[in-house]
């Protein structure tokens, strides 16, 4: 019984992490495009817990292709 509950919690957490990751990557891409970039390279994702909230951040280098 406990294993089933933990599996459900893990699945829910993985789903929320996936949503957060997709959101920050989309925002990174939009910000790069707004600055005239064609792509973002060297992307780094960071996850941190602050005051019981999960913060997901992404950084990378916006580049233009020749």
PDB file of N, CA and C in Angstrom:
ATOM      1  N   UNK A   1       0.824  -1.203   0.000  1.00  0.00           N
ATOM      2  CA  UNK A   1       0.000   0.000   0.000  1.00  0.00           C
ATOM      3  C   UNK A   1       0.861   1.256   0.000  1.00  0.00           C
ATOM      4  N   UNK A   2       1.831   1.299   0.886  1.00  0.00           N
ATOM      5  CA  UNK A   2       2.694   2.479   0.975  1.00  0.00           C
ATOM      6  C   UNK A   2       3.483   2.676  -0.309  1.00  0.00           C
ATOM      7  N   UNK A   3       3.928   1.584  -0.927  1.00  0.00           N
ATOM      8  CA  UNK A   3       4.656   1.681  -2.186  1.00  0.00           C
ATOM      9  C   UNK A   3       3.823   2.320  -3.283  1.00  0.00           C
ATOM     10  N   UNK A   4       2.543   2.010  -3.333  1.00  0.00           N
ATOM     11  CA  UNK A   4       1.650   2.595  -4.327  1.00  0.00           C
ATOM     12  C   UNK A   4       1.481   4.090  -4.124  1.00  0.00           C
ATOM     13  N   UNK A   5       1.380   4.511  -2.876  1.00  0.00           N
ATOM     14  CA  UNK A   5       1.236   5.935  -2.563  1.00  0.00           C
ATOM     15  C   UNK A   5       2.508   6.677  -2.948  1.00  0.00           C
ATOM     16  N   UNK A   6       3.654   6.109  -2.611  1.00  0.00           N
ATOM     17  CA  UNK A   6       4.930   6.746  -2.962  1.00  0.00           C
ATOM     18  C   UNK A   6       5.114   6.828  -4.471  1.00  0.00           C
ATOM     19  N   UNK A   7       4.692   5.805  -5.180  1.00  0.00           N
ATOM     20  CA  UNK A   7       4.800   5.819  -6.640  1.00  0.00           C
ATOM     21  C   UNK A   7       3.922   6.909  -7.231  1.00  0.00           C
ATOM     22  N   UNK A   8       2.729   7.103  -6.671  1.00  0.00           N
ATOM     23  CA  UNK A   8       1.842   8.163  -7.156  1.00  0.00           C
ATOM     24  C   UNK A   8       2.445   9.532  -6.885  1.00  0.00           C
ATOM     25  N   UNK A   9       3.037   9.719  -5.707  1.00  0.00           N
ATOM     26  CA  UNK A   9       3.667  10.999  -5.365  1.00  0.00           C
ATOM     27  C   UNK A   9       4.853  11.260  -6.279  1.00  0.00           C
ATOM     28  N   UNK A  10       5.638  10.244  -6.544  1.00  0.00           N
ATOM     29  CA  UNK A  10       6.794  10.386  -7.423  1.00  0.00           C
ATOM     30  C   UNK A  10       6.351  10.740  -8.840  1.00  0.00           C
ATOM     31  N   UNK A  11       5.317  10.078  -9.329  1.00  0.00           N
ATOM     32  CA  UNK A  11       4.821  10.364 -10.674  1.00  0.00           C
ATOM     33  C   UNK A  11       4.309  11.799 -10.764  1.00  0.00           C
ATOM     34  N   UNK A  12       3.609  12.260  -9.735  1.00  0.00           N
ATOM     35  CA  UNK A  12       3.091  13.635  -9.722  1.00  0.00           C
ATOM     36  C   UNK A  12       4.247  14.636  -9.689  1.00  0.00           C
ATOM     37  N   UNK A  13       5.263  14.346  -8.901  1.00  0.00           N
ATOM     38  CA  UNK A  13       6.426  15.235  -8.821  1.00  0.00           C
ATOM     39  C   UNK A  13       7.161  15.291 -10.158  1.00  0.00           C
ATOM     40  N   UNK A  14       7.349  14.146 -10.786  1.00  0.00           N
ATOM     41  CA  UNK A  14       8.015  14.109 -12.088  1.00  0.00           C
ATOM     42  C   UNK A  14       7.231  14.899 -13.126  1.00  0.00           C
ATOM     43  N   UNK A  15       5.904  14.830 -13.074  1.00  0.00           N
ATOM     44  CA  UNK A  15       5.071  15.572 -14.012  1.00  0.00           C
ATOM     45  C   UNK A  15       5.235  17.074 -13.793  1.00  0.00           C
ATOM     46  N   UNK A  16       5.249  17.516 -12.543  1.00  0.00           N
ATOM     47  CA  UNK A  16       5.403  18.941 -12.248  1.00  0.00           C
ATOM     48  C   UNK A  16       6.799  19.434 -12.622  1.00  0.00           C
ATOM     49  N   UNK A  17       7.810  18.616 -12.391  1.00  0.00           N
ATOM     50  CA  UNK A  17       9.169  18.989 -12.791  1.00  0.00           C
ATOM     51  C   UNK A  17       9.265  19.133 -14.308  1.00  0.00           C
ATOM     52  N   UNK A  18       8.603  18.243 -15.018  1.00  0.00           N
ATOM     53  CA  UNK A  18       8.591  18.317 -16.480  1.00  0.00           C
ATOM     54  C   UNK A  18       7.924  19.593 -16.968  1.00  0.00           C
ATOM     55  N   UNK A  19       6.810  19.967 -16.345  1.00  0.00           N
ATOM     56  CA  UNK A  19       6.121  21.208 -16.715  1.00  0.00           C
ATOM     57  C   UNK A  19       7.011  22.423 -16.457  1.00  0.00           C
ATOM     58  N   UNK A  20       7.659  22.443 -15.297  1.00  0.00           N
ATOM     59  CA  UNK A  20       8.534  23.565 -14.948  1.00  0.00           C
ATOM     60  C   UNK A  20       9.714  23.653 -15.908  1.00  0.00           C
ATOM     61  N   UNK A  21      10.303  22.512 -16.233  1.00  0.00           N
ATOM     62  CA  UNK A  21      11.432  22.487 -17.170  1.00  0.00           C
ATOM     63  C   UNK A  21      11.005  23.019 -18.540  1.00  0.00           C
ATOM     64  N   UNK A  22       9.873  22.558 -19.030  1.00  0.00           N
ATOM     65  CA  UNK A  22       9.379  23.019 -20.327  1.00  0.00           C
ATOM     66  C   UNK A  22       9.121  24.524 -20.326  1.00  0.00           C
ATOM     67  N   UNK A  23       8.578  25.025 -19.236  1.00  0.00           N
ATOM     68  CA  UNK A  23       8.281  26.451 -19.125  1.00  0.00           C
ATOM     69  C   UNK A  23       9.543  27.305 -19.173  1.00  0.00           C
ATOM     70  N   UNK A  24      10.557  26.931 -18.382  1.00  0.00           N
ATOM     71  CA  UNK A  24      11.778  27.756 -18.365  1.00  0.00           C
ATOM     72  C   UNK A  24      12.542  27.655 -19.684  1.00  0.00           C
ATOM     73  N   UNK A  25      12.515  26.494 -20.324  1.00  0.00           N
ATOM     74  CA  UNK A  25      13.196  26.368 -21.615  1.00  0.00           C
ATOM     75  C   UNK A  25      12.489  27.174 -22.695  1.00  0.00           C
ATOM     76  N   UNK A  26      11.168  27.179 -22.665  1.00  0.00           N
ATOM     77  CA  UNK A  26      10.403  27.977 -23.621  1.00  0.00           C
ATOM     78  C   UNK A  26      10.685  29.469 -23.410  1.00  0.00           C
ATOM     79  N   UNK A  27      10.737  29.899 -22.145  1.00  0.00           N
ATOM     80  CA  UNK A  27      11.028  31.303 -21.851  1.00  0.00           C
ATOM     81  C   UNK A  27      12.444  31.670 -22.293  1.00  0.00           C
ATOM     82  N   UNK A  28      13.399  30.789 -22.083  1.00  0.00           N
ATOM     83  CA  UNK A  28      14.777  31.032 -22.522  1.00  0.00           C
ATOM     84  C   UNK A  28      14.825  31.192 -24.036  1.00  0.00           C
ATOM     85  N   UNK A  29      14.128  30.316 -24.737  1.00  0.00           N
ATOM     86  CA  UNK A  29      14.082  30.373 -26.196  1.00  0.00           C
ATOM     87  C   UNK A  29      13.427  31.669 -26.688  1.00  0.00           C
ATOM     88  N   UNK A  30      12.331  32.058 -26.050  1.00  0.00           N
ATOM     89  CA  UNK A  30      11.636  33.289 -26.443  1.00  0.00           C
ATOM     90  C   UNK A  30      12.501  34.525 -26.217  1.00  0.00           C
ATOM     91  N   UNK A  31      13.208  34.565 -25.094  1.00  0.00           N
ATOM     92  CA  UNK A  31      14.071  35.711 -24.802  1.00  0.00           C
ATOM     93  C   UNK A  31      15.232  35.794 -25.789  1.00  0.00           C
ATOM     94  N   UNK A  32      15.772  34.652 -26.153  1.00  0.00           N
ATOM     95  CA  UNK A  32      16.870  34.635 -27.125  1.00  0.00           C
ATOM     96  C   UNK A  32      16.368  35.103 -28.491  1.00  0.00           C
ATOM     97  N   UNK A  33      15.212  34.616 -28.911  1.00  0.00           N
ATOM     98  CA  UNK A  33      14.644  35.009 -30.212  1.00  0.00           C
ATOM     99  C   UNK A  33      14.348  36.503 -30.235  1.00  0.00           C
ATOM    100  N   UNK A  34      13.886  37.058 -29.125  1.00  0.00           N
ATOM    101  CA  UNK A  34      13.578  38.486 -29.050  1.00  0.00           C
ATOM    102  C   UNK A  34      14.836  39.340 -29.232  1.00  0.00           C
ATOM    103  N   UNK A  35      15.983  38.745 -28.961  1.00  0.00           N
ATOM    104  CA  UNK A  35      17.257  39.451 -29.125  1.00  0.00           C
ATOM    105  C   UNK A  35      17.925  39.129 -30.460  1.00  0.00           C
ATOM    106  N   UNK A  36      17.190  38.436 -31.333  1.00  0.00           N
ATOM    107  CA  UNK A  36      17.698  38.138 -32.663  1.00  0.00           C
ATOM    108  C   UNK A  36      18.513  36.865 -32.771  1.00  0.00           C
ATOM    109  N   UNK A  37      18.510  36.050 -31.746  1.00  0.00           N
ATOM    110  CA  UNK A  37      19.289  34.811 -31.767  1.00  0.00           C
ATOM    111  C   UNK A  37      18.559  33.727 -32.558  1.00  0.00           C
ATOM    112  N   UNK A  38      19.333  32.826 -33.128  1.00  0.00           N
ATOM    113  CA  UNK A  38      18.784  31.680 -33.854  1.00  0.00           C
ATOM    114  C   UNK A  38      18.689  30.433 -32.980  1.00  0.00           C
ATOM    115  N   UNK A  39      19.514  30.379 -31.940  1.00  0.00           N
ATOM    116  CA  UNK A  39      19.559  29.193 -31.093  1.00  0.00           C
ATOM    117  C   UNK A  39      20.150  29.552 -29.737  1.00  0.00           C
ATOM    118  N   UNK A  40      20.013  28.623 -28.795  1.00  0.00           N
ATOM    119  CA  UNK A  40      20.637  28.756 -27.484  1.00  0.00           C
ATOM    120  C   UNK A  40      21.497  27.515 -27.281  1.00  0.00           C
ATOM    121  N   UNK A  41      22.757  27.721 -26.931  1.00  0.00           N
ATOM    122  CA  UNK A  41      23.677  26.597 -26.719  1.00  0.00           C
ATOM    123  C   UNK A  41      24.165  26.597 -25.275  1.00  0.00           C
ATOM    124  N   UNK A  42      24.693  25.464 -24.857  1.00  0.00           N
ATOM    125  CA  UNK A  42      25.249  25.351 -23.509  1.00  0.00           C
ATOM    126  C   UNK A  42      24.201  25.562 -22.432  1.00  0.00           C
ATOM    127  N   UNK A  43      23.011  25.022 -22.644  1.00  0.00           N
ATOM    128  CA  UNK A  43      21.907  25.232 -21.702  1.00  0.00           C
ATOM    129  C   UNK A  43      22.167  24.443 -20.418  1.00  0.00           C
ATOM    130  N   UNK A  44      21.950  25.122 -19.291  1.00  0.00           N
ATOM    131  CA  UNK A  44      22.117  24.512 -17.970  1.00  0.00           C
ATOM    132  C   UNK A  44      20.816  24.686 -17.201  1.00  0.00           C
ATOM    133  N   UNK A  45      20.301  23.600 -16.654  1.00  0.00           N
ATOM    134  CA  UNK A  45      19.092  23.644 -15.829  1.00  0.00           C
ATOM    135  C   UNK A  45      19.489  23.468 -14.374  1.00  0.00           C
ATOM    136  N   UNK A  46      18.912  24.287 -13.509  1.00  0.00           N
ATOM    137  CA  UNK A  46      19.164  24.186 -12.075  1.00  0.00           C
ATOM    138  C   UNK A  46      17.841  24.055 -11.347  1.00  0.00           C
ATOM    139  N   UNK A  47      17.822  23.186 -10.349  1.00  0.00           N
ATOM    140  CA  UNK A  47      16.645  22.979  -9.516  1.00  0.00           C
ATOM    141  C   UNK A  47      17.035  23.302  -8.081  1.00  0.00           C
ATOM    142  N   UNK A  48      16.207  24.096  -7.395  1.00  0.00           N
ATOM    143  CA  UNK A  48      16.509  24.471  -6.020  1.00  0.00           C
ATOM    144  C   UNK A  48      15.215  24.592  -5.237  1.00  0.00           C
ATOM    145  N   UNK A  49      15.245  24.173  -3.982  1.00  0.00           N
ATOM    146  CA  UNK A  49      14.093  24.301  -3.106  1.00  0.00           C
ATOM    147  C   UNK A  49      14.322  25.492  -2.190  1.00  0.00           C
ATOM    148  N   UNK A  50      13.378  26.431  -2.205  1.00  0.00           N
ATOM    149  CA  UNK A  50      13.447  27.617  -1.364  1.00  0.00           C
ATOM    150  C   UNK A  50      12.114  27.765  -0.657  1.00  0.00           C
ATOM    151  N   UNK A  51      12.136  27.757   0.677  1.00  0.00           N
ATOM    152  CA  UNK A  51      10.908  27.898   1.473  1.00  0.00           C
ATOM    153  C   UNK A  51       9.815  26.940   1.002  1.00  0.00           C
ATOM    154  N   UNK A  52      10.167  25.682   0.836  1.00  0.00           N
ATOM    155  CA  UNK A  52       9.225  24.636   0.415  1.00  0.00           C
ATOM    156  C   UNK A  52       8.652  24.846  -0.979  1.00  0.00           C
ATOM    157  N   UNK A  53       9.307  25.662  -1.780  1.00  0.00           N
ATOM    158  CA  UNK A  53       8.898  25.848  -3.181  1.00  0.00           C
ATOM    159  C   UNK A  53      10.061  25.428  -4.067  1.00  0.00           C
ATOM    160  N   UNK A  54       9.739  24.833  -5.192  1.00  0.00           N
ATOM    161  CA  UNK A  54      10.765  24.408  -6.127  1.00  0.00           C
ATOM    162  C   UNK A  54      10.993  25.505  -7.153  1.00  0.00           C
ATOM    163  N   UNK A  55      12.255  25.906  -7.305  1.00  0.00           N
ATOM    164  CA  UNK A  55      12.607  26.895  -8.311  1.00  0.00           C
ATOM    165  C   UNK A  55      13.414  26.189  -9.402  1.00  0.00           C
ATOM    166  N   UNK A  56      13.015  26.403 -10.635  1.00  0.00           N
ATOM    167  CA  UNK A  56      13.731  25.840 -11.771  1.00  0.00           C
ATOM    168  C   UNK A  56      14.239  27.015 -12.598  1.00  0.00           C
ATOM    169  N   UNK A  57      15.520  27.010 -12.904  1.00  0.00           N
ATOM    170  CA  UNK A  57      16.087  28.086 -13.723  1.00  0.00           C
ATOM    171  C   UNK A  57      16.902  27.480 -14.847  1.00  0.00           C
ATOM    172  N   UNK A  58      16.994  28.241 -15.946  1.00  0.00           N
ATOM    173  CA  UNK A  58      17.759  27.802 -17.099  1.00  0.00           C
ATOM    174  C   UNK A  58      18.631  28.948 -17.562  1.00  0.00           C
ATOM    175  N   UNK A  59      19.828  28.613 -17.992  1.00  0.00           N
ATOM    176  CA  UNK A  59      20.716  29.619 -18.577  1.00  0.00           C
ATOM    177  C   UNK A  59      21.397  29.001 -19.779  1.00  0.00           C
ATOM    178  N   UNK A  60      21.842  29.858 -20.674  1.00  0.00           N
ATOM    179  CA  UNK A  60      22.520  29.395 -21.869  1.00  0.00           C
ATOM    180  C   UNK A  60      23.034  30.601 -22.638  1.00  0.00           C
ATOM    181  N   UNK A  61      23.665  30.333 -23.758  1.00  0.00           N
ATOM    182  CA  UNK A  61      24.229  31.384 -24.595  1.00  0.00           C
ATOM    183  C   UNK A  61      23.434  31.467 -25.883  1.00  0.00           C
ATOM    184  N   UNK A  62      22.864  32.662 -26.127  1.00  0.00           N
ATOM    185  CA  UNK A  62      22.112  32.897 -27.355  1.00  0.00           C
ATOM    186  C   UNK A  62      23.099  33.152 -28.487  1.00  0.00           C
ATOM    187  N   UNK A  63      22.901  32.489 -29.626  1.00  0.00           N
ATOM    188  CA  UNK A  63      23.815  32.615 -30.747  1.00  0.00           C
ATOM    189  C   UNK A  63      23.043  32.857 -32.053  1.00  0.00           C
ATOM    190  N   UNK A  64      23.736  33.477 -33.001  1.00  0.00           N
ATOM    191  CA  UNK A  64      23.193  33.598 -34.350  1.00  0.00           C
ATOM    192  C   UNK A  64      24.000  32.693 -35.250  1.00  0.00           C
ATOM    193  N   UNK A  65      23.343  32.086 -36.202  1.00  0.00           N
ATOM    194  CA  UNK A  65      24.007  31.159 -37.115  1.00  0.00           C
ATOM    195  C   UNK A  65      24.357  31.882 -38.410  1.00  0.00           C
ATOM    196  N   UNK A  66      25.536  31.601 -38.902  1.00  0.00           N
ATOM    197  CA  UNK A  66      25.989  32.251 -40.131  1.00  0.00           C
ATOM    198  C   UNK A  66      25.514  31.481 -41.353  1.00  0.00           C
TER     199      UNK A  66
END
